[in-house]
N, C-alpha and C. Protein backbone atom coordinates (compact mmCIF):
# COMPACT_ATOMS: atom_id res chain seq x y z
N MET A 1 89.16 178.39 -57.53
CA MET A 1 90.50 178.81 -57.88
C MET A 1 91.35 178.87 -56.60
N ILE A 2 92.54 178.35 -56.72
CA ILE A 2 93.45 178.34 -55.58
C ILE A 2 94.03 179.75 -55.40
N THR A 3 93.99 180.22 -54.17
CA THR A 3 94.51 181.56 -53.91
C THR A 3 96.04 181.58 -54.00
N LYS A 4 96.58 182.75 -54.28
CA LYS A 4 98.05 182.90 -54.33
C LYS A 4 98.67 182.57 -52.99
N GLU A 5 97.99 182.95 -51.91
CA GLU A 5 98.50 182.69 -50.57
C GLU A 5 98.60 181.18 -50.31
N LEU A 6 97.58 180.44 -50.74
CA LEU A 6 97.59 179.00 -50.54
C LEU A 6 98.68 178.35 -51.40
N LYS A 7 98.82 178.79 -52.62
CA LYS A 7 99.90 178.26 -53.47
C LYS A 7 101.26 178.48 -52.81
N LYS A 8 101.43 179.65 -52.20
CA LYS A 8 102.69 179.95 -51.51
C LYS A 8 102.86 179.03 -50.31
N GLU A 9 101.80 178.81 -49.54
CA GLU A 9 101.88 177.89 -48.39
C GLU A 9 102.28 176.48 -48.85
N ILE A 10 101.70 176.04 -49.94
CA ILE A 10 102.03 174.71 -50.47
C ILE A 10 103.49 174.66 -50.90
N ASP A 11 103.92 175.68 -51.65
CA ASP A 11 105.32 175.73 -52.09
C ASP A 11 106.28 175.79 -50.91
N ASP A 12 105.92 176.55 -49.89
CA ASP A 12 106.75 176.65 -48.68
C ASP A 12 106.86 175.29 -47.99
N PHE A 13 105.74 174.57 -47.91
CA PHE A 13 105.75 173.25 -47.30
C PHE A 13 106.69 172.32 -48.08
N ILE A 14 106.56 172.31 -49.39
CA ILE A 14 107.41 171.46 -50.22
C ILE A 14 108.88 171.79 -50.00
N SER A 15 109.21 173.08 -49.93
CA SER A 15 110.59 173.50 -49.70
C SER A 15 111.09 173.06 -48.33
N LYS A 16 110.25 173.18 -47.31
CA LYS A 16 110.65 172.83 -45.95
C LYS A 16 110.98 171.35 -45.79
N THR A 17 110.31 170.49 -46.54
CA THR A 17 110.56 169.06 -46.38
C THR A 17 111.96 168.69 -46.81
N GLY A 18 112.50 169.40 -47.78
CA GLY A 18 113.82 169.09 -48.28
C GLY A 18 113.87 167.79 -49.08
N GLU A 19 112.71 167.26 -49.42
CA GLU A 19 112.62 166.00 -50.17
C GLU A 19 112.00 166.26 -51.54
N PRO A 20 112.59 165.68 -52.57
CA PRO A 20 111.96 165.76 -53.89
C PRO A 20 110.91 164.65 -54.00
N TYR A 21 109.98 164.80 -54.92
CA TYR A 21 109.09 163.67 -55.19
C TYR A 21 109.79 162.79 -56.20
N LYS A 22 109.86 161.50 -55.89
CA LYS A 22 110.45 160.52 -56.81
C LYS A 22 109.42 159.44 -57.05
N LEU A 23 109.28 159.02 -58.30
CA LEU A 23 108.37 157.93 -58.61
C LEU A 23 108.77 156.70 -57.79
N ALA A 24 107.78 156.05 -57.20
CA ALA A 24 108.07 154.93 -56.30
C ALA A 24 107.24 153.68 -56.60
N GLU A 25 106.19 153.84 -57.34
CA GLU A 25 105.27 152.72 -57.57
C GLU A 25 105.41 152.20 -58.99
N ASN A 26 105.16 150.94 -59.14
CA ASN A 26 105.27 150.30 -60.44
C ASN A 26 103.89 150.31 -61.11
N VAL A 27 103.43 151.49 -61.50
CA VAL A 27 102.10 151.62 -62.09
C VAL A 27 102.17 151.23 -63.57
N PRO A 28 101.46 150.19 -63.96
CA PRO A 28 101.48 149.81 -65.37
C PRO A 28 100.99 150.96 -66.25
N PHE A 29 101.63 151.12 -67.38
CA PHE A 29 101.31 152.21 -68.31
C PHE A 29 99.82 152.27 -68.61
N ASP A 30 99.20 151.12 -68.83
CA ASP A 30 97.78 151.07 -69.18
C ASP A 30 96.87 151.55 -68.04
N ASP A 31 97.35 151.50 -66.81
CA ASP A 31 96.53 151.90 -65.66
C ASP A 31 96.65 153.38 -65.32
N VAL A 32 97.68 154.03 -65.82
CA VAL A 32 97.90 155.45 -65.48
C VAL A 32 96.67 156.28 -65.82
N GLU A 33 96.16 156.14 -67.01
CA GLU A 33 95.00 156.93 -67.47
C GLU A 33 93.76 156.63 -66.62
N ASN A 34 93.53 155.35 -66.31
CA ASN A 34 92.37 154.98 -65.50
C ASN A 34 92.44 155.58 -64.10
N ILE A 35 93.60 155.48 -63.48
CA ILE A 35 93.78 156.05 -62.14
C ILE A 35 93.60 157.56 -62.20
N TYR A 36 94.22 158.17 -63.17
CA TYR A 36 94.12 159.62 -63.34
C TYR A 36 92.64 160.04 -63.48
N ASN A 37 91.92 159.39 -64.37
CA ASN A 37 90.52 159.75 -64.63
C ASN A 37 89.61 159.51 -63.42
N LYS A 38 89.93 158.50 -62.64
CA LYS A 38 89.08 158.18 -61.48
C LYS A 38 89.33 159.10 -60.29
N TYR A 39 90.59 159.50 -60.08
CA TYR A 39 90.93 160.18 -58.83
C TYR A 39 91.26 161.67 -58.95
N ILE A 40 91.78 162.11 -60.07
CA ILE A 40 92.21 163.51 -60.18
C ILE A 40 91.05 164.51 -60.18
N PRO A 41 89.91 164.23 -60.82
CA PRO A 41 88.83 165.23 -60.79
C PRO A 41 88.42 165.65 -59.37
N ASP A 42 88.46 164.72 -58.43
CA ASP A 42 88.10 165.06 -57.05
C ASP A 42 89.13 166.00 -56.43
N ILE A 43 90.38 165.83 -56.80
CA ILE A 43 91.42 166.73 -56.29
C ILE A 43 91.23 168.12 -56.87
N ALA A 44 90.99 168.18 -58.17
CA ALA A 44 90.80 169.48 -58.82
C ALA A 44 89.59 170.22 -58.24
N GLY A 45 88.61 169.47 -57.74
CA GLY A 45 87.40 170.08 -57.18
C GLY A 45 87.47 170.45 -55.71
N LEU A 46 88.62 170.24 -55.06
CA LEU A 46 88.74 170.59 -53.64
C LEU A 46 88.62 172.10 -53.43
N SER A 47 88.00 172.47 -52.33
CA SER A 47 87.95 173.88 -51.95
C SER A 47 89.29 174.29 -51.36
N ASN A 48 89.51 175.59 -51.25
CA ASN A 48 90.73 176.08 -50.60
C ASN A 48 90.79 175.62 -49.15
N ASP A 49 89.65 175.60 -48.46
CA ASP A 49 89.63 175.14 -47.07
C ASP A 49 90.02 173.67 -46.96
N GLN A 50 89.56 172.84 -47.88
CA GLN A 50 89.94 171.42 -47.86
C GLN A 50 91.43 171.26 -48.14
N ARG A 51 91.94 172.04 -49.06
CA ARG A 51 93.37 171.99 -49.38
C ARG A 51 94.20 172.41 -48.17
N LYS A 52 93.75 173.44 -47.47
CA LYS A 52 94.46 173.90 -46.27
C LYS A 52 94.43 172.83 -45.18
N GLU A 53 93.29 172.15 -45.03
CA GLU A 53 93.18 171.09 -44.02
C GLU A 53 94.14 169.94 -44.35
N ILE A 54 94.22 169.57 -45.60
CA ILE A 54 95.15 168.51 -45.99
C ILE A 54 96.58 168.94 -45.74
N LEU A 55 96.91 170.17 -46.07
CA LEU A 55 98.25 170.69 -45.82
C LEU A 55 98.57 170.67 -44.33
N ARG A 56 97.59 170.99 -43.50
CA ARG A 56 97.77 170.93 -42.04
C ARG A 56 98.04 169.49 -41.59
N ILE A 57 97.32 168.54 -42.15
CA ILE A 57 97.54 167.12 -41.81
C ILE A 57 98.94 166.69 -42.21
N LEU A 58 99.39 167.11 -43.38
CA LEU A 58 100.74 166.78 -43.83
C LEU A 58 101.78 167.32 -42.84
N GLU A 59 101.60 168.57 -42.42
CA GLU A 59 102.52 169.18 -41.44
C GLU A 59 102.52 168.41 -40.13
N LEU A 60 101.33 168.11 -39.62
CA LEU A 60 101.23 167.38 -38.34
C LEU A 60 101.88 166.01 -38.42
N SER A 61 101.66 165.32 -39.52
CA SER A 61 102.21 163.96 -39.65
C SER A 61 103.73 163.99 -39.67
N TRP A 62 104.26 164.97 -40.31
CA TRP A 62 105.71 165.11 -40.42
C TRP A 62 106.31 165.38 -39.03
N LYS A 63 105.71 166.30 -38.31
CA LYS A 63 106.23 166.67 -36.99
C LYS A 63 106.02 165.57 -35.96
N ALA A 64 104.91 164.84 -36.06
CA ALA A 64 104.59 163.79 -35.08
C ALA A 64 105.57 162.62 -35.14
N TYR A 65 106.07 162.32 -36.32
CA TYR A 65 106.92 161.13 -36.47
C TYR A 65 108.22 161.45 -37.20
N SER A 66 108.81 162.57 -36.88
CA SER A 66 110.04 162.99 -37.56
C SER A 66 111.21 162.02 -37.35
N GLU A 67 111.14 161.20 -36.32
CA GLU A 67 112.23 160.25 -36.04
C GLU A 67 111.90 158.83 -36.52
N HIS A 68 110.75 158.65 -37.15
CA HIS A 68 110.34 157.32 -37.62
C HIS A 68 111.27 156.84 -38.73
N GLY A 69 111.52 155.54 -38.78
CA GLY A 69 112.43 154.96 -39.76
C GLY A 69 112.01 155.13 -41.21
N LYS A 70 110.74 155.41 -41.45
CA LYS A 70 110.24 155.58 -42.82
C LYS A 70 109.81 157.02 -43.10
N ILE A 71 110.34 157.97 -42.32
CA ILE A 71 109.91 159.36 -42.48
C ILE A 71 110.25 159.91 -43.86
N ARG A 72 111.39 159.53 -44.42
CA ARG A 72 111.74 160.05 -45.76
C ARG A 72 110.73 159.59 -46.81
N GLN A 73 110.32 158.32 -46.73
CA GLN A 73 109.33 157.82 -47.67
C GLN A 73 108.00 158.53 -47.49
N TRP A 74 107.63 158.74 -46.23
CA TRP A 74 106.38 159.46 -45.95
C TRP A 74 106.49 160.90 -46.44
N LEU A 75 107.62 161.55 -46.19
CA LEU A 75 107.78 162.94 -46.64
C LEU A 75 107.69 163.05 -48.15
N ARG A 76 108.23 162.07 -48.85
CA ARG A 76 108.13 162.11 -50.31
C ARG A 76 106.68 162.00 -50.76
N LEU A 77 105.90 161.18 -50.05
CA LEU A 77 104.47 161.14 -50.35
C LEU A 77 103.84 162.49 -50.02
N CYS A 78 104.21 163.07 -48.89
CA CYS A 78 103.66 164.39 -48.51
C CYS A 78 103.94 165.43 -49.59
N VAL A 79 105.15 165.41 -50.14
CA VAL A 79 105.50 166.33 -51.23
C VAL A 79 104.60 166.05 -52.43
N GLY A 80 104.39 164.78 -52.74
CA GLY A 80 103.51 164.44 -53.85
C GLY A 80 102.09 164.92 -53.63
N ILE A 81 101.56 164.69 -52.44
CA ILE A 81 100.21 165.15 -52.12
C ILE A 81 100.14 166.68 -52.22
N ALA A 82 101.15 167.36 -51.69
CA ALA A 82 101.18 168.82 -51.77
C ALA A 82 101.17 169.27 -53.23
N LYS A 83 101.92 168.58 -54.07
CA LYS A 83 101.91 168.93 -55.50
C LYS A 83 100.52 168.74 -56.10
N LEU A 84 99.83 167.66 -55.70
CA LEU A 84 98.48 167.44 -56.19
C LEU A 84 97.52 168.53 -55.73
N LEU A 85 97.77 169.08 -54.54
CA LEU A 85 96.90 170.14 -54.03
C LEU A 85 96.90 171.38 -54.92
N LYS A 86 97.89 171.50 -55.76
CA LYS A 86 97.98 172.66 -56.66
C LYS A 86 97.22 172.44 -57.97
N ILE A 87 96.66 171.25 -58.15
CA ILE A 87 95.92 170.95 -59.38
C ILE A 87 94.59 171.71 -59.39
N GLU A 88 94.37 172.37 -60.49
CA GLU A 88 93.09 173.04 -60.70
C GLU A 88 92.44 172.44 -61.94
N ASP A 89 91.16 172.64 -62.07
CA ASP A 89 90.42 172.10 -63.20
C ASP A 89 91.05 172.51 -64.52
N LYS A 90 91.23 171.55 -65.40
CA LYS A 90 91.77 171.76 -66.74
C LYS A 90 93.24 172.15 -66.79
N ALA A 91 93.92 172.14 -65.65
CA ALA A 91 95.35 172.46 -65.64
C ALA A 91 96.14 171.25 -66.13
N PRO A 92 97.22 171.46 -66.86
CA PRO A 92 98.03 170.31 -67.30
C PRO A 92 98.67 169.61 -66.11
N VAL A 93 98.69 168.29 -66.15
CA VAL A 93 99.20 167.49 -65.05
C VAL A 93 100.06 166.36 -65.61
N ASN A 94 101.14 166.05 -64.94
CA ASN A 94 101.95 164.88 -65.29
C ASN A 94 101.17 163.66 -64.80
N LYS A 95 100.52 162.98 -65.71
CA LYS A 95 99.62 161.87 -65.35
C LYS A 95 100.36 160.71 -64.69
N LYS A 96 101.55 160.41 -65.15
CA LYS A 96 102.32 159.30 -64.57
C LYS A 96 102.66 159.61 -63.11
N GLU A 97 103.12 160.83 -62.86
CA GLU A 97 103.44 161.22 -61.49
C GLU A 97 102.18 161.24 -60.63
N ALA A 98 101.09 161.79 -61.14
CA ALA A 98 99.84 161.84 -60.38
C ALA A 98 99.35 160.44 -60.03
N ALA A 99 99.41 159.52 -60.99
CA ALA A 99 99.00 158.13 -60.72
C ALA A 99 99.91 157.49 -59.67
N ASP A 100 101.20 157.78 -59.76
CA ASP A 100 102.16 157.25 -58.79
C ASP A 100 101.82 157.73 -57.38
N ILE A 101 101.51 159.00 -57.24
CA ILE A 101 101.16 159.58 -55.93
C ILE A 101 99.88 158.95 -55.39
N ILE A 102 98.91 158.76 -56.25
CA ILE A 102 97.64 158.18 -55.82
C ILE A 102 97.82 156.73 -55.40
N VAL A 103 98.60 155.96 -56.15
CA VAL A 103 98.89 154.58 -55.75
C VAL A 103 99.63 154.57 -54.42
N ARG A 104 100.54 155.49 -54.26
CA ARG A 104 101.33 155.57 -53.03
C ARG A 104 100.46 155.87 -51.81
N ILE A 105 99.54 156.83 -51.94
CA ILE A 105 98.66 157.13 -50.79
C ILE A 105 97.75 155.94 -50.51
N SER A 106 97.35 155.21 -51.55
CA SER A 106 96.51 154.03 -51.30
C SER A 106 97.30 152.96 -50.55
N ARG A 107 98.59 152.85 -50.86
CA ARG A 107 99.44 151.86 -50.16
C ARG A 107 99.54 152.22 -48.68
N TRP A 108 99.79 153.48 -48.38
CA TRP A 108 99.89 153.90 -46.97
C TRP A 108 98.53 153.75 -46.28
N TYR A 109 97.46 154.06 -46.97
CA TYR A 109 96.10 153.95 -46.43
C TYR A 109 95.81 152.51 -46.01
N HIS A 110 96.30 151.55 -46.77
CA HIS A 110 96.04 150.13 -46.51
C HIS A 110 97.19 149.43 -45.78
N SER A 111 98.12 150.19 -45.23
CA SER A 111 99.31 149.61 -44.58
C SER A 111 99.04 149.14 -43.15
N SER A 112 99.99 148.35 -42.67
CA SER A 112 99.96 147.90 -41.27
C SER A 112 101.41 147.70 -40.83
N GLY A 113 101.58 147.21 -39.63
CA GLY A 113 102.93 146.94 -39.13
C GLY A 113 103.73 148.21 -38.92
N PHE A 114 104.96 148.19 -39.40
CA PHE A 114 105.89 149.30 -39.18
C PHE A 114 105.36 150.63 -39.73
N TYR A 115 104.53 150.58 -40.73
CA TYR A 115 104.01 151.78 -41.39
C TYR A 115 102.74 152.33 -40.74
N GLU A 116 102.16 151.57 -39.80
CA GLU A 116 100.82 151.93 -39.33
C GLU A 116 100.72 153.27 -38.60
N LYS A 117 101.83 153.83 -38.15
CA LYS A 117 101.78 155.15 -37.51
C LYS A 117 101.26 156.21 -38.47
N PHE A 118 101.49 156.00 -39.77
CA PHE A 118 101.08 156.99 -40.77
C PHE A 118 99.68 156.73 -41.33
N VAL A 119 99.11 155.57 -41.03
CA VAL A 119 97.80 155.21 -41.56
C VAL A 119 96.72 156.22 -41.19
N PRO A 120 96.62 156.68 -39.93
CA PRO A 120 95.58 157.66 -39.62
C PRO A 120 95.68 158.94 -40.45
N PHE A 121 96.90 159.37 -40.73
CA PHE A 121 97.08 160.57 -41.55
C PHE A 121 96.64 160.30 -42.98
N ALA A 122 97.04 159.15 -43.52
CA ALA A 122 96.63 158.78 -44.88
C ALA A 122 95.11 158.69 -44.96
N LYS A 123 94.49 158.12 -43.94
CA LYS A 123 93.03 157.98 -43.94
C LYS A 123 92.33 159.32 -43.87
N LYS A 124 92.88 160.26 -43.09
CA LYS A 124 92.28 161.60 -43.02
C LYS A 124 92.36 162.30 -44.36
N ILE A 125 93.51 162.20 -45.01
CA ILE A 125 93.70 162.84 -46.31
C ILE A 125 92.74 162.23 -47.34
N VAL A 126 92.72 160.90 -47.39
CA VAL A 126 91.84 160.21 -48.34
C VAL A 126 90.38 160.52 -48.07
N SER A 127 89.99 160.58 -46.80
CA SER A 127 88.58 160.86 -46.48
C SER A 127 88.15 162.24 -46.96
N ILE A 128 89.04 163.20 -46.89
CA ILE A 128 88.72 164.55 -47.36
C ILE A 128 88.57 164.57 -48.88
N ILE A 129 89.44 163.86 -49.57
CA ILE A 129 89.44 163.91 -51.04
C ILE A 129 88.42 162.95 -51.65
N TRP A 130 88.45 161.67 -51.24
CA TRP A 130 87.64 160.65 -51.91
C TRP A 130 86.68 159.89 -51.01
N GLY A 131 86.82 160.02 -49.71
CA GLY A 131 86.02 159.20 -48.79
C GLY A 131 86.76 157.92 -48.44
N SER A 132 87.13 157.15 -49.45
CA SER A 132 87.96 155.95 -49.29
C SER A 132 88.71 155.74 -50.60
N ILE A 133 89.59 154.75 -50.61
CA ILE A 133 90.38 154.48 -51.81
C ILE A 133 90.64 152.99 -51.92
N ASP A 134 90.61 152.49 -53.16
CA ASP A 134 90.94 151.09 -53.41
C ASP A 134 92.41 150.85 -53.09
N ASN A 135 92.76 149.61 -52.85
CA ASN A 135 94.17 149.25 -52.70
C ASN A 135 94.75 149.14 -54.11
N LEU A 136 95.50 150.13 -54.51
CA LEU A 136 96.03 150.22 -55.86
C LEU A 136 97.49 149.77 -55.95
N TYR A 137 98.01 149.24 -54.87
CA TYR A 137 99.43 148.90 -54.81
C TYR A 137 99.81 147.86 -55.84
N TYR A 138 100.88 148.15 -56.56
CA TYR A 138 101.41 147.23 -57.57
C TYR A 138 102.72 146.67 -57.09
N LYS A 139 102.85 145.38 -57.10
CA LYS A 139 104.12 144.75 -56.73
C LYS A 139 104.97 144.63 -57.98
N ASP A 140 106.28 144.69 -57.77
CA ASP A 140 107.20 144.56 -58.91
C ASP A 140 107.06 143.21 -59.57
């Protein structure tokens, strides 16, 4: 069970970013359920310590590259990840949004070029939750 203190830390982080989570990936309707079923149980099973470590990584990534040209996109992913950190077993979840966030972290995890500054952070987050992640990126 997520502690009240940790929920407050997560909510505070989301507020500090000043960014809302907006759907960004073109996840086909038929894939939402598959992505949800494959990846969400591991998030629901995270310990409070793992959730705190991920939150720390999100904070560090934001501060390390606050002037990066894609910081807003990264922050929106950070908000999404923070929202996922609040998932507990059997809690209702917006599956479309959850699938979008998971596809988004997979895209950053597999990125290069201009986005590569954020890859180590994406890899740390993914390694804590799943170990690794498939490239789930959908092109329009």
